[in-house]
């Protein structure tokens, strides 16, 4: 299954995040890297195409949609951080009593820092966390423990943070087993940004669509392949799609 950007339904503005209906809704992000990976990973492609709402976490996606005259025409980049801030503030401001948010993914250290930060930023939220085993693939028992933990917590908002494409594929494949009625967002890097373990690019870099370059400069060993090879590859895939 080749993921075609031109046919995807993509959220077109930050303001539109407020229009996402209540209930059990999956929200994924798409950027140049995830688009590239999805060209050779059918399950990942399906998780993005059929997973619910998709937000354009990259200026490259916004520009490519325009060039392709795609079905969706996002007018701005919507970062995972934007989704996180919108959902957390909306839940914190709810007048229907204390709400519960769950973070599933990352290490106990990062989750502890997230929990501590949330008590300051979102005092009306009860924070529950779960750190899954650190391994390439989960066993059947691992999956059962994760699903049981989520269902037992019964959160009003669930964040999944295990990096792409693992987080999207896991959520998509186990969606029917999650007995919850809330928004579910896959926002891997935001866990580290919010915990403070990885610094997000300063505002100037974000506003000039250079957050990718900042991440490359900060983490060259981990990011060089994603950007030095990934950007030309993305352009090739988009040209081929047209």
Protein backbone atom coordinates (compact mmCIF):
# COMPACT_ATOMS: atom_id res chain seq x y z
CA UNK A 1 0.00 0.00 0.00
CA UNK A 2 1.59 3.25 -1.14
CA UNK A 3 0.49 6.14 1.05
CA UNK A 4 -0.72 8.97 -1.16
CA UNK A 5 -0.66 12.40 0.44
CA UNK A 6 -3.10 13.80 -2.10
CA UNK A 7 -5.93 11.57 -0.88
CA UNK A 8 -5.50 11.93 2.87
CA UNK A 9 -7.90 13.81 5.13
CA UNK A 10 -5.67 16.19 7.07
CA UNK A 11 -6.62 18.76 9.71
CA UNK A 12 -6.13 22.13 8.03
CA UNK A 13 -5.55 24.57 10.91
CA UNK A 14 -4.86 24.78 14.63
CA UNK A 15 -8.33 26.22 15.14
CA UNK A 16 -9.78 23.07 13.60
CA UNK A 17 -8.40 21.01 16.48
CA UNK A 18 -11.30 22.34 18.54
CA UNK A 19 -13.74 20.77 16.05
CA UNK A 20 -12.60 17.20 16.70
CA UNK A 21 -15.64 15.48 18.23
CA UNK A 22 -15.69 13.98 21.70
CA UNK A 23 -15.45 10.25 22.23
CA UNK A 24 -12.96 7.60 21.17
CA UNK A 25 -10.90 9.34 18.50
CA UNK A 26 -7.38 8.55 17.28
CA UNK A 27 -5.19 11.51 16.31
CA UNK A 28 -1.89 10.91 14.52
CA UNK A 29 0.67 13.28 13.03
CA UNK A 30 2.32 13.14 9.62
CA UNK A 31 5.61 14.68 8.53
CA UNK A 32 8.11 14.03 5.76
CA UNK A 33 9.84 11.26 7.71
CA UNK A 34 6.65 9.35 8.52
CA UNK A 35 5.47 9.75 4.92
CA UNK A 36 8.76 8.23 3.73
CA UNK A 37 8.58 5.31 6.15
CA UNK A 38 4.96 4.61 5.21
CA UNK A 39 5.94 4.02 1.57
CA UNK A 40 7.56 0.73 2.60
CA UNK A 41 5.48 -0.19 5.65
CA UNK A 42 1.91 -1.20 4.83
CA UNK A 43 0.71 -1.36 8.44
CA UNK A 44 2.09 2.10 9.15
CA UNK A 45 0.51 3.44 5.96
CA UNK A 46 -2.85 1.98 7.00
CA UNK A 47 -2.54 3.42 10.50
CA UNK A 48 -2.07 6.91 9.06
CA UNK A 49 -4.68 6.63 6.30
CA UNK A 50 -7.38 4.96 8.40
CA UNK A 51 -6.52 5.97 11.94
CA UNK A 52 -8.89 8.89 12.42
CA UNK A 53 -7.59 12.46 12.41
CA UNK A 54 -4.23 13.37 10.90
CA UNK A 55 -2.38 16.59 11.62
CA UNK A 56 0.38 18.08 9.40
CA UNK A 57 3.45 18.15 11.64
CA UNK A 58 5.77 19.66 9.08
CA UNK A 59 5.93 22.61 6.69
CA UNK A 60 6.96 20.11 4.00
CA UNK A 61 3.55 18.42 4.27
CA UNK A 62 1.74 21.77 4.01
CA UNK A 63 3.72 22.75 0.91
CA UNK A 64 3.42 19.32 -0.72
CA UNK A 65 -0.37 19.36 -0.31
CA UNK A 66 -0.48 22.67 -2.19
CA UNK A 67 1.81 21.41 -4.95
CA UNK A 68 -0.19 18.19 -5.36
CA UNK A 69 -3.52 20.05 -5.26
CA UNK A 70 -4.40 17.52 -2.59
CA UNK A 71 -7.81 16.74 -1.14
CA UNK A 72 -6.81 18.56 2.06
CA UNK A 73 -5.18 21.99 2.00
CA UNK A 74 -3.66 22.69 5.44
CA UNK A 75 -2.82 26.35 5.86
CA UNK A 76 -0.19 25.87 8.57
CA UNK A 77 1.96 23.34 10.31
CA UNK A 78 0.34 21.81 13.39
CA UNK A 79 3.03 20.29 15.59
CA UNK A 80 2.44 17.45 18.02
CA UNK A 81 3.14 20.07 20.68
CA UNK A 82 0.20 22.15 19.42
CA UNK A 83 -2.10 19.16 19.70
CA UNK A 84 -0.79 18.39 23.18
CA UNK A 85 -1.27 21.97 24.41
CA UNK A 86 -4.76 22.23 22.94
CA UNK A 87 -6.02 18.95 24.38
CA UNK A 88 -4.44 19.41 27.80
CA UNK A 89 -5.76 22.95 28.24
CA UNK A 90 -9.23 21.99 27.08
CA UNK A 91 -9.36 19.13 29.58
CA UNK A 92 -7.88 21.22 32.39
CA UNK A 93 -10.51 23.92 31.83
CA UNK A 94 -13.40 21.46 31.90
CA UNK A 95 -16.13 22.35 34.39
CA UNK A 96 -17.17 18.74 34.91
CA UNK A 97 -14.84 17.89 37.78
CA UNK A 98 -11.26 16.58 37.85
CA UNK A 99 -10.21 14.77 34.68
CA UNK A 100 -7.68 12.01 34.15
CA UNK A 101 -4.93 12.03 31.54
CA UNK A 102 -2.72 9.02 30.88
CA UNK A 103 0.76 8.95 29.38
CA UNK A 104 1.76 5.56 27.98
CA UNK A 105 5.32 5.23 26.76
CA UNK A 106 8.86 6.38 27.53
CA UNK A 107 10.90 5.68 30.68
CA UNK A 108 9.90 5.96 34.32
CA UNK A 109 12.27 8.92 34.67
CA UNK A 110 10.66 10.87 31.84
CA UNK A 111 7.16 9.99 33.03
CA UNK A 112 8.00 11.17 36.54
CA UNK A 113 9.14 14.54 35.18
CA UNK A 114 5.99 14.80 33.05
CA UNK A 115 3.83 14.12 36.07
CA UNK A 116 5.66 16.75 38.13
CA UNK A 117 5.35 19.35 35.36
CA UNK A 118 1.65 18.62 34.89
CA UNK A 119 0.92 19.40 38.55
CA UNK A 120 2.17 22.93 37.87
CA UNK A 121 0.71 23.50 34.41
CA UNK A 122 -2.55 21.58 34.64
CA UNK A 123 -3.60 21.38 38.31
CA UNK A 124 -7.09 20.11 37.48
CA UNK A 125 -5.79 16.93 35.88
CA UNK A 126 -5.11 13.60 37.54
CA UNK A 127 -2.06 12.10 35.80
CA UNK A 128 -1.59 8.35 35.34
CA UNK A 129 1.48 6.84 33.64
CA UNK A 130 2.66 3.51 32.28
CA UNK A 131 6.17 2.70 31.07
CA UNK A 132 6.20 -0.26 28.65
CA UNK A 133 9.22 -2.56 28.22
CA UNK A 134 12.01 -1.09 26.11
CA UNK A 135 12.21 -3.54 23.22
CA UNK A 136 11.68 -3.49 19.42
CA UNK A 137 8.52 -5.61 19.62
CA UNK A 138 6.17 -6.39 22.47
CA UNK A 139 5.20 -9.92 23.39
CA UNK A 140 1.58 -10.98 23.73
CA UNK A 141 1.94 -10.63 27.50
CA UNK A 142 3.41 -7.13 27.12
CA UNK A 143 0.48 -6.06 24.99
CA UNK A 144 -2.03 -7.46 27.45
CA UNK A 145 -0.41 -5.57 30.33
CA UNK A 146 -0.46 -2.29 28.39
CA UNK A 147 -4.07 -2.72 27.28
CA UNK A 148 -5.19 -3.70 30.78
CA UNK A 149 -3.40 -0.70 32.30
CA UNK A 150 -5.09 1.68 29.87
CA UNK A 151 -8.54 0.16 30.33
CA UNK A 152 -8.18 0.12 34.10
CA UNK A 153 -7.17 3.79 34.15
CA UNK A 154 -10.12 4.68 31.88
CA UNK A 155 -8.60 8.10 31.08
CA UNK A 156 -10.31 11.18 29.70
CA UNK A 157 -7.28 11.69 27.44
CA UNK A 158 -4.59 9.23 26.40
CA UNK A 159 -1.13 10.03 25.03
CA UNK A 160 0.97 7.32 23.37
CA UNK A 161 4.69 8.04 23.13
CA UNK A 162 6.90 5.30 21.68
CA UNK A 163 8.29 7.07 18.56
CA UNK A 164 7.05 6.57 15.00
CA UNK A 165 6.13 4.19 13.48
CA UNK A 166 5.87 1.96 16.54
CA UNK A 167 3.34 4.12 18.41
CA UNK A 168 0.97 4.53 15.44
CA UNK A 169 1.12 0.86 14.47
CA UNK A 170 0.59 -0.35 18.04
CA UNK A 171 -2.41 1.91 18.60
CA UNK A 172 -3.95 1.03 15.24
CA UNK A 173 -3.52 -2.71 15.73
CA UNK A 174 -4.94 -2.69 19.27
CA UNK A 175 -7.59 -0.01 18.79
CA UNK A 176 -10.57 -2.33 19.24
CA UNK A 177 -9.12 -3.71 22.49
CA UNK A 178 -8.96 -0.28 24.10
CA UNK A 179 -12.19 0.03 26.08
CA UNK A 180 -12.05 3.80 26.47
CA UNK A 181 -14.04 6.83 25.30
CA UNK A 182 -11.50 9.60 24.83
CA UNK A 183 -9.09 11.24 22.41
CA UNK A 184 -5.88 9.28 21.84
CA UNK A 185 -2.84 11.11 20.47
CA UNK A 186 0.44 9.59 19.27
CA UNK A 187 3.03 12.25 20.06
CA UNK A 188 6.36 10.52 20.81
CA UNK A 189 8.84 13.42 20.89
CA UNK A 190 6.47 15.61 22.91
CA UNK A 191 7.03 13.38 25.94
CA UNK A 192 10.70 14.38 25.99
CA UNK A 193 10.02 18.02 25.11
CA UNK A 194 7.51 18.40 27.93
CA UNK A 195 9.69 16.52 30.44
CA UNK A 196 12.64 18.72 29.49
CA UNK A 197 14.92 15.79 28.61
CA UNK A 198 15.20 17.09 25.02
CA UNK A 199 15.09 20.79 24.25
CA UNK A 200 12.65 21.88 21.58
CA UNK A 201 13.82 24.37 18.98
CA UNK A 202 13.49 28.06 19.94
CA UNK A 203 10.48 29.93 18.57
CA UNK A 204 12.42 31.62 15.74
CA UNK A 205 13.43 28.25 14.30
CA UNK A 206 9.85 26.98 14.58
CA UNK A 207 8.37 30.06 12.91
CA UNK A 208 10.77 29.79 9.98
CA UNK A 209 10.12 26.06 9.38
CA UNK A 210 13.64 25.18 10.56
CA UNK A 211 12.89 23.00 13.57
CA UNK A 212 14.19 20.03 11.58
CA UNK A 213 17.55 21.78 11.12
CA UNK A 214 17.77 22.58 14.82
CA UNK A 215 17.16 18.92 15.69
CA UNK A 216 19.83 17.89 13.16
CA UNK A 217 22.36 20.27 14.72
CA UNK A 218 21.54 19.11 18.26
CA UNK A 219 21.42 15.37 17.50
CA UNK A 220 23.43 14.82 14.28
CA UNK A 221 24.21 11.13 14.90
CA UNK A 222 20.55 10.25 15.38
CA UNK A 223 18.98 12.63 12.88
CA UNK A 224 21.36 12.84 9.91
CA UNK A 225 19.78 9.95 8.02
CA UNK A 226 16.24 11.26 8.60
CA UNK A 227 17.05 14.66 7.08
CA UNK A 228 20.12 14.41 4.83
CA UNK A 229 18.72 11.35 3.07
CA UNK A 230 15.07 11.76 4.03
CA UNK A 231 14.43 15.21 2.52
CA UNK A 232 15.55 14.30 -1.05
CA UNK A 233 13.66 11.00 -0.71
CA UNK A 234 10.50 12.86 0.32
CA UNK A 235 10.79 15.15 -2.72
CA UNK A 236 11.19 12.11 -4.96
CA UNK A 237 8.12 10.39 -3.52
CA UNK A 238 6.03 13.56 -3.86
CA UNK A 239 7.17 14.08 -7.46
CA UNK A 240 6.34 10.44 -8.23
CA UNK A 241 2.90 10.81 -6.64
CA UNK A 242 2.06 13.75 -8.88
